[in-house]
C-alpha atoms as a PDB file:
ATOM      1  CA  MET A   1    -130.138 138.841 258.079  1.00  0.00           C
ATOM      2  CA  GLU A   2    -129.616 141.690 260.536  1.00  0.00           C
ATOM      3  CA  LYS A   3    -126.250 141.954 262.211  1.00  0.00           C
ATOM      4  CA  GLU A   4    -126.241 141.357 265.940  1.00  0.00           C
ATOM      5  CA  PHE A   5    -124.077 143.592 268.086  1.00  0.00           C
ATOM      6  CA  ILE A   6    -122.676 142.774 271.500  1.00  0.00           C
ATOM      7  CA  ARG A   7    -123.847 145.273 274.128  1.00  0.00           C
ATOM      8  CA  ASP A   8    -121.276 147.875 275.156  1.00  0.00           C
ATOM      9  CA  ILE A   9    -120.006 146.497 278.451  1.00  0.00           C
ATOM     10  CA  SER A  10    -119.269 149.987 279.799  1.00  0.00           C
ATOM     11  CA  SER A  11    -123.013 150.788 279.627  1.00  0.00           C
ATOM     12  CA  ILE A  12    -123.967 147.991 282.049  1.00  0.00           C
ATOM     13  CA  ASP A  13    -124.740 149.061 285.626  1.00  0.00           C
ATOM     14  CA  TYR A  14    -122.420 147.031 287.853  1.00  0.00           C
ATOM     15  CA  THR A  15    -123.441 148.575 291.168  1.00  0.00           C
ATOM     16  CA  GLY A  16    -125.559 145.542 292.010  1.00  0.00           C
ATOM     17  CA  ARG A  17    -124.451 142.987 289.425  1.00  0.00           C
ATOM     18  CA  VAL A  18    -123.250 139.703 290.966  1.00  0.00           C
ATOM     19  CA  THR A  19    -121.353 137.309 288.698  1.00  0.00           C
ATOM     20  CA  ILE A  20    -120.393 134.647 291.221  1.00  0.00           C
ATOM     21  CA  ASP A  21    -121.586 131.209 290.138  1.00  0.00           C
ATOM     22  CA  ASN A  22    -124.394 130.011 292.414  1.00  0.00           C
ATOM     23  CA  PRO A  23    -123.901 132.458 295.322  1.00  0.00           C
ATOM     24  CA  LEU A  24    -125.285 131.334 298.679  1.00  0.00           C
ATOM     25  CA  ASP A  25    -126.851 134.742 299.388  1.00  0.00           C
ATOM     26  CA  THR A  26    -127.322 136.889 296.283  1.00  0.00           C
ATOM     27  CA  GLU A  27    -129.177 139.676 298.133  1.00  0.00           C
ATOM     28  CA  SER A  28    -126.311 140.132 300.595  1.00  0.00           C
ATOM     29  CA  CYS A  29    -123.846 140.315 297.681  1.00  0.00           C
ATOM     30  CA  VAL A  30    -125.956 143.002 296.002  1.00  0.00           C
ATOM     31  CA  ARG A  31    -126.147 145.067 299.196  1.00  0.00           C
ATOM     32  CA  LEU A  32    -122.402 144.743 299.676  1.00  0.00           C
ATOM     33  CA  LYS A  33    -121.611 145.803 296.102  1.00  0.00           C
ATOM     34  CA  ARG A  34    -123.778 148.913 296.447  1.00  0.00           C
ATOM     35  CA  THR A  35    -121.576 150.156 299.290  1.00  0.00           C
ATOM     36  CA  THR A  36    -118.312 150.206 297.316  1.00  0.00           C
ATOM     37  CA  ASN A  37    -116.765 150.598 293.881  1.00  0.00           C
ATOM     38  CA  ALA A  38    -114.382 147.729 294.606  1.00  0.00           C
ATOM     39  CA  ARG A  39    -114.582 144.722 292.279  1.00  0.00           C
ATOM     40  CA  ILE A  40    -116.197 142.242 294.633  1.00  0.00           C
ATOM     41  CA  CYS A  41    -118.671 139.384 294.125  1.00  0.00           C
ATOM     42  CA  ILE A  42    -117.309 138.837 290.594  1.00  0.00           C
ATOM     43  CA  GLY A  43    -116.423 135.155 290.693  1.00  0.00           C
ATOM     44  CA  ARG A  44    -113.570 133.350 288.956  1.00  0.00           C
ATOM     45  CA  ALA A  45    -112.884 131.137 285.970  1.00  0.00           C
ATOM     46  CA  GLY A  46    -110.387 128.761 287.546  1.00  0.00           C
ATOM     47  CA  ASP A  47    -107.651 130.993 288.947  1.00  0.00           C
ATOM     48  CA  ARG A  48    -108.432 133.874 286.568  1.00  0.00           C
ATOM     49  CA  PHE A  49    -110.984 136.627 286.057  1.00  0.00           C
ATOM     50  CA  LYS A  50    -114.101 135.796 284.095  1.00  0.00           C
ATOM     51  CA  THR A  51    -114.186 137.242 280.585  1.00  0.00           C
ATOM     52  CA  GLU A  52    -116.893 139.732 281.533  1.00  0.00           C
ATOM     53  CA  THR A  53    -114.871 140.997 284.508  1.00  0.00           C
ATOM     54  CA  LEU A  54    -111.714 141.366 282.431  1.00  0.00           C
ATOM     55  CA  LEU A  55    -113.550 143.237 279.669  1.00  0.00           C
ATOM     56  CA  ARG A  56    -115.097 145.639 282.184  1.00  0.00           C
ATOM     57  CA  PHE A  57    -111.686 146.212 283.779  1.00  0.00           C
ATOM     58  CA  SER A  58    -110.221 146.964 280.337  1.00  0.00           C
ATOM     59  CA  ALA A  59    -113.105 149.351 279.531  1.00  0.00           C
ATOM     60  CA  ASP A  60    -112.652 151.238 282.806  1.00  0.00           C
ATOM     61  CA  HIS A  61    -108.909 151.411 282.216  1.00  0.00           C
ATOM     62  CA  ALA A  62    -109.555 152.892 278.763  1.00  0.00           C
ATOM     63  CA  VAL A  63    -111.778 155.591 280.304  1.00  0.00           C
ATOM     64  CA  ALA A  64    -108.959 156.519 282.703  1.00  0.00           C
ATOM     65  CA  ILE A  65    -106.446 156.755 279.841  1.00  0.00           C
ATOM     66  CA  ASP A  66    -108.813 158.876 277.742  1.00  0.00           C
ATOM     67  CA  SER A  67    -109.339 161.227 280.696  1.00  0.00           C
ATOM     68  CA  VAL A  68    -105.608 161.846 281.031  1.00  0.00           C
ATOM     69  CA  TRP A  69    -104.866 162.342 277.340  1.00  0.00           C
ATOM     70  CA  SER A  70    -107.962 164.285 276.260  1.00  0.00           C
ATOM     71  CA  GLN A  71    -108.286 168.082 276.170  1.00  0.00           C
ATOM     72  CA  VAL A  72    -110.809 170.318 277.932  1.00  0.00           C
ATOM     73  CA  ASP A  73    -113.592 171.668 275.713  1.00  0.00           C
ATOM     74  CA  GLU A  74    -112.554 175.314 275.809  1.00  0.00           C
ATOM     75  CA  ASN A  75    -115.814 176.479 274.222  1.00  0.00           C
ATOM     76  CA  THR A  76    -117.471 175.972 277.605  1.00  0.00           C
ATOM     77  CA  LEU A  77    -114.806 178.107 279.267  1.00  0.00           C
ATOM     78  CA  ASP A  78    -115.302 180.799 276.623  1.00  0.00           C
ATOM     79  CA  ASP A  79    -119.015 180.852 277.419  1.00  0.00           C
ATOM     80  CA  LEU A  80    -118.131 181.418 281.090  1.00  0.00           C
ATOM     81  CA  HIS A  81    -115.670 184.227 280.152  1.00  0.00           C
ATOM     82  CA  PHE A  82    -112.493 182.588 281.440  1.00  0.00           C
ATOM     83  CA  ILE A  83    -109.090 184.106 280.689  1.00  0.00           C
ATOM     84  CA  LYS A  84    -106.938 181.265 279.302  1.00  0.00           C
ATOM     85  CA  VAL A  85    -103.244 180.818 280.096  1.00  0.00           C
ATOM     86  CA  GLN A  86    -100.740 177.978 279.731  1.00  0.00           C
ATOM     87  CA  THR A  87     -97.903 176.724 281.905  1.00  0.00           C
ATOM     88  CA  LEU A  88     -94.387 176.063 280.621  1.00  0.00           C
ATOM     89  CA  ILE A  89     -95.625 172.719 279.249  1.00  0.00           C
ATOM     90  CA  LYS A  90     -95.777 172.376 275.443  1.00  0.00           C
ATOM     91  CA  ASP A  91     -97.965 169.266 275.062  1.00  0.00           C
ATOM     92  CA  LYS A  92     -99.633 166.387 276.934  1.00  0.00           C
ATOM     93  CA  GLU A  93     -96.630 164.094 276.725  1.00  0.00           C
ATOM     94  CA  GLU A  94     -94.430 166.682 278.403  1.00  0.00           C
ATOM     95  CA  TYR A  95     -97.177 167.336 280.950  1.00  0.00           C
ATOM     96  CA  ILE A  96     -97.091 163.673 282.034  1.00  0.00           C
ATOM     97  CA  THR A  97     -93.309 163.493 282.243  1.00  0.00           C
ATOM     98  CA  ARG A  98     -92.465 166.962 283.640  1.00  0.00           C
ATOM     99  CA  PRO A  99     -94.710 167.849 286.610  1.00  0.00           C
ATOM    100  CA  ASP A 100     -92.288 170.643 287.563  1.00  0.00           C
ATOM    101  CA  LEU A 101     -93.004 172.581 284.359  1.00  0.00           C
ATOM    102  CA  GLY A 102     -96.742 172.222 284.974  1.00  0.00           C
ATOM    103  CA  ARG A 103     -96.368 174.250 288.167  1.00  0.00           C
ATOM    104  CA  ASP A 104     -94.815 177.338 286.599  1.00  0.00           C
ATOM    105  CA  PHE A 105     -95.461 180.102 284.061  1.00  0.00           C
ATOM    106  CA  SER A 106     -93.269 182.229 281.853  1.00  0.00           C
ATOM    107  CA  MET A 107     -92.708 185.809 282.985  1.00  0.00           C
ATOM    108  CA  GLU A 108     -94.698 186.934 279.941  1.00  0.00           C
ATOM    109  CA  THR A 109     -97.713 184.885 281.087  1.00  0.00           C
ATOM    110  CA  ILE A 110     -97.453 186.276 284.621  1.00  0.00           C
ATOM    111  CA  ASN A 111     -97.411 189.808 283.208  1.00  0.00           C
ATOM    112  CA  ASP A 112    -100.465 189.014 281.063  1.00  0.00           C
ATOM    113  CA  ILE A 113    -102.290 187.765 284.155  1.00  0.00           C
ATOM    114  CA  LYS A 114    -101.439 190.952 286.043  1.00  0.00           C
ATOM    115  CA  THR A 115    -102.557 193.109 283.100  1.00  0.00           C
ATOM    116  CA  ASN A 116    -105.771 191.330 282.106  1.00  0.00           C
ATOM    117  CA  CYS A 117    -107.168 190.208 285.471  1.00  0.00           C
ATOM    118  CA  ILE A 118    -108.676 191.977 288.469  1.00  0.00           C
ATOM    119  CA  ASN A 119    -106.009 192.727 291.058  1.00  0.00           C
ATOM    120  CA  LYS A 120    -106.393 192.099 294.793  1.00  0.00           C
ATOM    121  CA  PRO A 121    -109.645 190.111 294.607  1.00  0.00           C
ATOM    122  CA  ASP A 122    -111.156 188.611 297.726  1.00  0.00           C
ATOM    123  CA  VAL A 123    -111.634 185.320 295.877  1.00  0.00           C
ATOM    124  CA  GLN A 124    -109.694 184.218 292.804  1.00  0.00           C
ATOM    125  CA  LEU A 125    -111.252 181.285 290.933  1.00  0.00           C
ATOM    126  CA  ILE A 126    -109.002 179.092 288.772  1.00  0.00           C
ATOM    127  CA  VAL A 127    -109.789 176.011 286.689  1.00  0.00           C
ATOM    128  CA  ALA A 128    -107.022 173.658 285.528  1.00  0.00           C
ATOM    129  CA  ASP A 129    -107.256 170.549 283.385  1.00  0.00           C
ATOM    130  CA  GLY A 130    -105.015 168.503 285.686  1.00  0.00           C
ATOM    131  CA  LEU A 131    -104.950 164.770 285.070  1.00  0.00           C
ATOM    132  CA  SER A 132    -108.567 164.498 283.956  1.00  0.00           C
ATOM    133  CA  SER A 133    -109.924 166.850 281.314  1.00  0.00           C
ATOM    134  CA  HIS A 134    -113.200 164.898 281.398  1.00  0.00           C
ATOM    135  CA  ALA A 135    -113.678 166.059 284.996  1.00  0.00           C
ATOM    136  CA  ILE A 136    -113.770 169.701 283.929  1.00  0.00           C
ATOM    137  CA  ASP A 137    -116.140 169.049 281.033  1.00  0.00           C
ATOM    138  CA  ALA A 138    -118.467 166.987 283.245  1.00  0.00           C
ATOM    139  CA  ASN A 139    -118.676 169.306 286.264  1.00  0.00           C
ATOM    140  CA  ILE A 140    -117.780 172.923 285.491  1.00  0.00           C
ATOM    141  CA  LYS A 141    -121.185 173.992 284.142  1.00  0.00           C
ATOM    142  CA  ASP A 142    -122.897 172.879 287.357  1.00  0.00           C
ATOM    143  CA  ILE A 143    -120.366 173.946 289.981  1.00  0.00           C
ATOM    144  CA  TYR A 144    -119.222 177.298 288.577  1.00  0.00           C
ATOM    145  CA  PRO A 145    -122.556 179.197 288.834  1.00  0.00           C
ATOM    146  CA  ILE A 146    -123.056 177.943 292.400  1.00  0.00           C
ATOM    147  CA  ILE A 147    -119.655 179.250 293.468  1.00  0.00           C
ATOM    148  CA  VAL A 148    -120.043 182.595 291.669  1.00  0.00           C
ATOM    149  CA  ASP A 149    -123.553 183.208 292.989  1.00  0.00           C
ATOM    150  CA  GLY A 150    -122.503 182.224 296.509  1.00  0.00           C
ATOM    151  CA  ILE A 151    -119.410 184.441 296.530  1.00  0.00           C
ATOM    152  CA  ASN A 152    -121.376 187.401 295.186  1.00  0.00           C
ATOM    153  CA  ALA A 153    -124.151 186.845 297.744  1.00  0.00           C
ATOM    154  CA  LYS A 154    -121.544 187.028 300.532  1.00  0.00           C
ATOM    155  CA  GLY A 155    -120.396 190.388 299.196  1.00  0.00           C
ATOM    156  CA  TYR A 156    -116.851 189.311 298.336  1.00  0.00           C
ATOM    157  CA  LYS A 157    -114.919 190.765 295.403  1.00  0.00           C
ATOM    158  CA  LEU A 158    -114.547 188.017 292.793  1.00  0.00           C
ATOM    159  CA  GLY A 159    -111.502 187.970 290.538  1.00  0.00           C
ATOM    160  CA  THR A 160    -111.331 187.301 286.801  1.00  0.00           C
ATOM    161  CA  PRO A 161    -111.819 183.543 286.248  1.00  0.00           C
ATOM    162  CA  ILE A 162    -108.681 181.900 284.848  1.00  0.00           C
ATOM    163  CA  PHE A 163    -108.259 178.595 283.016  1.00  0.00           C
ATOM    164  CA  VAL A 164    -104.798 177.019 283.194  1.00  0.00           C
ATOM    165  CA  LYS A 165    -103.920 174.570 280.440  1.00  0.00           C
ATOM    166  CA  TYR A 166    -101.510 171.801 281.474  1.00  0.00           C
ATOM    167  CA  GLY A 167    -101.822 172.980 285.062  1.00  0.00           C
ATOM    168  CA  ARG A 168    -100.787 171.390 288.363  1.00  0.00           C
ATOM    169  CA  VAL A 169    -102.071 172.354 291.812  1.00  0.00           C
ATOM    170  CA  ALA A 170     -99.174 174.694 292.612  1.00  0.00           C
ATOM    171  CA  THR A 171    -100.148 177.071 289.777  1.00  0.00           C
ATOM    172  CA  MET A 172    -102.637 178.546 292.232  1.00  0.00           C
ATOM    173  CA  ASP A 173     -99.731 179.873 294.324  1.00  0.00           C
ATOM    174  CA  LYS A 174     -98.159 181.695 291.368  1.00  0.00           C
ATOM    175  CA  ILE A 175    -101.468 183.283 290.354  1.00  0.00           C
ATOM    176  CA  SER A 176    -102.296 184.252 293.939  1.00  0.00           C
ATOM    177  CA  GLU A 177     -98.963 186.017 294.327  1.00  0.00           C
ATOM    178  CA  ALA A 178     -99.307 187.766 290.950  1.00  0.00           C
ATOM    179  CA  LEU A 179    -102.768 189.141 291.747  1.00  0.00           C
ATOM    180  CA  GLY A 180    -102.564 189.540 295.520  1.00  0.00           C
ATOM    181  CA  ALA A 181    -105.647 187.360 296.062  1.00  0.00           C
ATOM    182  CA  LYS A 182    -107.032 186.930 299.557  1.00  0.00           C
ATOM    183  CA  ILE A 183    -108.422 183.438 298.896  1.00  0.00           C
ATOM    184  CA  THR A 184    -107.620 181.274 295.886  1.00  0.00           C
ATOM    185  CA  VAL A 185    -109.925 178.456 294.760  1.00  0.00           C
ATOM    186  CA  LEU A 186    -108.597 175.963 292.225  1.00  0.00           C
ATOM    187  CA  LEU A 187    -110.842 173.414 290.490  1.00  0.00           C
ATOM    188  CA  ILE A 188    -108.748 170.674 288.903  1.00  0.00           C
ATOM    189  CA  GLY A 189    -109.257 167.247 287.328  1.00  0.00           C
ATOM    190  CA  GLU A 190    -108.209 164.439 289.643  1.00  0.00           C
ATOM    191  CA  ARG A 191    -105.961 161.563 288.626  1.00  0.00           C
ATOM    192  CA  PRO A 192    -108.534 159.096 287.223  1.00  0.00           C
ATOM    193  CA  GLY A 193    -108.978 155.648 288.688  1.00  0.00           C
ATOM    194  CA  LEU A 194    -110.841 152.560 287.552  1.00  0.00           C
ATOM    195  CA  ALA A 195    -114.075 153.699 289.219  1.00  0.00           C
ATOM    196  CA  THR A 196    -114.479 157.081 287.530  1.00  0.00           C
ATOM    197  CA  GLY A 197    -112.738 159.263 284.956  1.00  0.00           C
ATOM    198  CA  ASP A 198    -114.576 162.512 285.702  1.00  0.00           C
ATOM    199  CA  SER A 199    -113.729 163.267 289.332  1.00  0.00           C
ATOM    200  CA  MET A 200    -112.646 166.802 290.213  1.00  0.00           C
ATOM    201  CA  SER A 201    -111.078 168.363 293.311  1.00  0.00           C
ATOM    202  CA  SER A 202    -111.075 171.869 294.735  1.00  0.00           C
ATOM    203  CA  TYR A 203    -107.897 173.156 296.393  1.00  0.00           C
ATOM    204  CA  MET A 204    -108.343 176.320 298.430  1.00  0.00           C
ATOM    205  CA  ALA A 205    -105.891 178.504 300.334  1.00  0.00           C
ATOM    206  CA  TYR A 206    -105.863 181.765 302.275  1.00  0.00           C
ATOM    207  CA  GLU A 207    -103.162 184.051 300.838  1.00  0.00           C
ATOM    208  CA  SER A 208    -101.847 181.153 298.772  1.00  0.00           C
ATOM    209  CA  SER A 209     -98.074 181.399 298.380  1.00  0.00           C
ATOM    210  CA  THR A 210     -95.081 179.536 296.948  1.00  0.00           C
ATOM    211  CA  LEU A 211     -93.384 180.143 300.295  1.00  0.00           C
ATOM    212  CA  LYS A 212     -95.954 178.101 302.218  1.00  0.00           C
ATOM    213  CA  PRO A 213     -96.047 174.279 302.549  1.00  0.00           C
ATOM    214  CA  GLU A 214     -98.655 171.982 300.978  1.00  0.00           C
ATOM    215  CA  SER A 215    -100.464 171.975 304.317  1.00  0.00           C
ATOM    216  CA  GLN A 216    -101.753 175.497 303.506  1.00  0.00           C
ATOM    217  CA  ARG A 217    -104.431 173.922 301.284  1.00  0.00           C
ATOM    218  CA  THR A 218    -107.978 172.912 302.190  1.00  0.00           C
ATOM    219  CA  VAL A 219    -109.383 170.296 299.822  1.00  0.00           C
ATOM    220  CA  VAL A 220    -112.844 169.243 298.677  1.00  0.00           C
ATOM    221  CA  SER A 221    -112.326 166.070 296.631  1.00  0.00           C
ATOM    222  CA  ASN A 222    -114.280 163.397 294.768  1.00  0.00           C
ATOM    223  CA  ILE A 223    -116.533 165.915 293.020  1.00  0.00           C
ATOM    224  CA  HIS A 224    -118.610 164.109 290.395  1.00  0.00           C
ATOM    225  CA  ALA A 225    -122.119 162.754 289.839  1.00  0.00           C
ATOM    226  CA  ASN A 226    -121.526 159.561 291.839  1.00  0.00           C
ATOM    227  CA  GLY A 227    -119.399 161.198 294.521  1.00  0.00           C
ATOM    228  CA  THR A 228    -119.987 164.670 295.961  1.00  0.00           C
ATOM    229  CA  PRO A 229    -122.387 166.204 293.394  1.00  0.00           C
ATOM    230  CA  PRO A 230    -120.961 169.407 291.856  1.00  0.00           C
ATOM    231  CA  VAL A 231    -123.867 171.559 293.081  1.00  0.00           C
ATOM    232  CA  GLU A 232    -123.357 170.335 296.655  1.00  0.00           C
ATOM    233  CA  ALA A 233    -119.582 170.772 296.367  1.00  0.00           C
ATOM    234  CA  GLY A 234    -120.052 174.340 295.129  1.00  0.00           C
ATOM    235  CA  ALA A 235    -122.100 175.211 298.218  1.00  0.00           C
ATOM    236  CA  GLU A 236    -119.450 173.613 300.448  1.00  0.00           C
ATOM    237  CA  ILE A 237    -116.703 175.643 298.770  1.00  0.00           C
ATOM    238  CA  VAL A 238    -118.606 178.887 299.378  1.00  0.00           C
ATOM    239  CA  SER A 239    -119.029 177.966 303.060  1.00  0.00           C
ATOM    240  CA  LEU A 240    -115.300 177.263 303.352  1.00  0.00           C
ATOM    241  CA  VAL A 241    -114.465 180.596 301.715  1.00  0.00           C
ATOM    242  CA  GLU A 242    -116.572 182.364 304.324  1.00  0.00           C
ATOM    243  CA  LEU A 243    -114.855 180.454 307.139  1.00  0.00           C
ATOM    244  CA  MET A 244    -111.396 181.232 305.770  1.00  0.00           C
ATOM    245  CA  MET A 245    -112.267 184.907 305.592  1.00  0.00           C
ATOM    246  CA  LYS A 246    -113.308 184.879 309.236  1.00  0.00           C
ATOM    247  CA  LYS A 247    -110.379 182.802 310.507  1.00  0.00           C
ATOM    248  CA  LYS A 248    -107.784 184.275 308.091  1.00  0.00           C
ATOM    249  CA  CYS A 249    -106.198 180.875 307.508  1.00  0.00           C
ATOM    250  CA  SER A 250    -106.601 177.609 305.624  1.00  0.00           C
ATOM    251  CA  GLY A 251    -105.304 174.050 305.528  1.00  0.00           C
ATOM    252  CA  VAL A 252    -104.257 172.440 308.813  1.00  0.00           C
ATOM    253  CA  LYS A 253    -104.634 175.759 310.631  1.00  0.00           C
ATOM    254  CA  LEU A 254    -108.312 175.987 309.731  1.00  0.00           C
ATOM    255  CA  LYS A 255    -110.408 174.270 312.402  1.00  0.00           C
ATOM    256  CA  ILE A 256    -113.604 173.036 310.758  1.00  0.00           C
END
């Protein structure tokens, strides 16, 4: 007798799945569900979630945890000729508990960056794992060529691409100051939620600096297959780079 296996609940498309018992208007529920990732039209078992809903919640939660604790596939970054550096963080556990160390580098690492990377680029591209390594693995192959081709087509000098392991957003300021970059573009894994574990953001700044406030940054967020597609996001980033060059500013000062 062949063994029967229960279908992997994470493989089921829930965008239009209604699990309310005897809904009055199923079509309206389906249309509503397709407008949001919120867990609506799921029904109840007494005062609790149904088993199916609870299992799906647990599966999505597991994806989020895996995204935080996994590591970026550095073979992809090698293929794209990234220089790889690491913050003051030693491991993932320290990365979660010490955000301050994930924003800084040793003096030796800063000197290596200055020695091995192009100085005074118009655009410095950085990739950091952030809180979702899956986001980098899922999106970098699609978004990186779009950005590089777009920057080159505009005639801007592109810096040496850098990958920061255990990196936070503020690492872009340290690298910008070390290399004298005009515009710095950071691609980083977003904190995963229960809707997706592979969402990436792009933080951009004109003359990014540790002396400037967080408001210096312009952000393109929610970059993933079911959000802003990486190819589309790459084109948007190139357009923003061009605007920053013209206006010589970024963040709240940049009028889009």
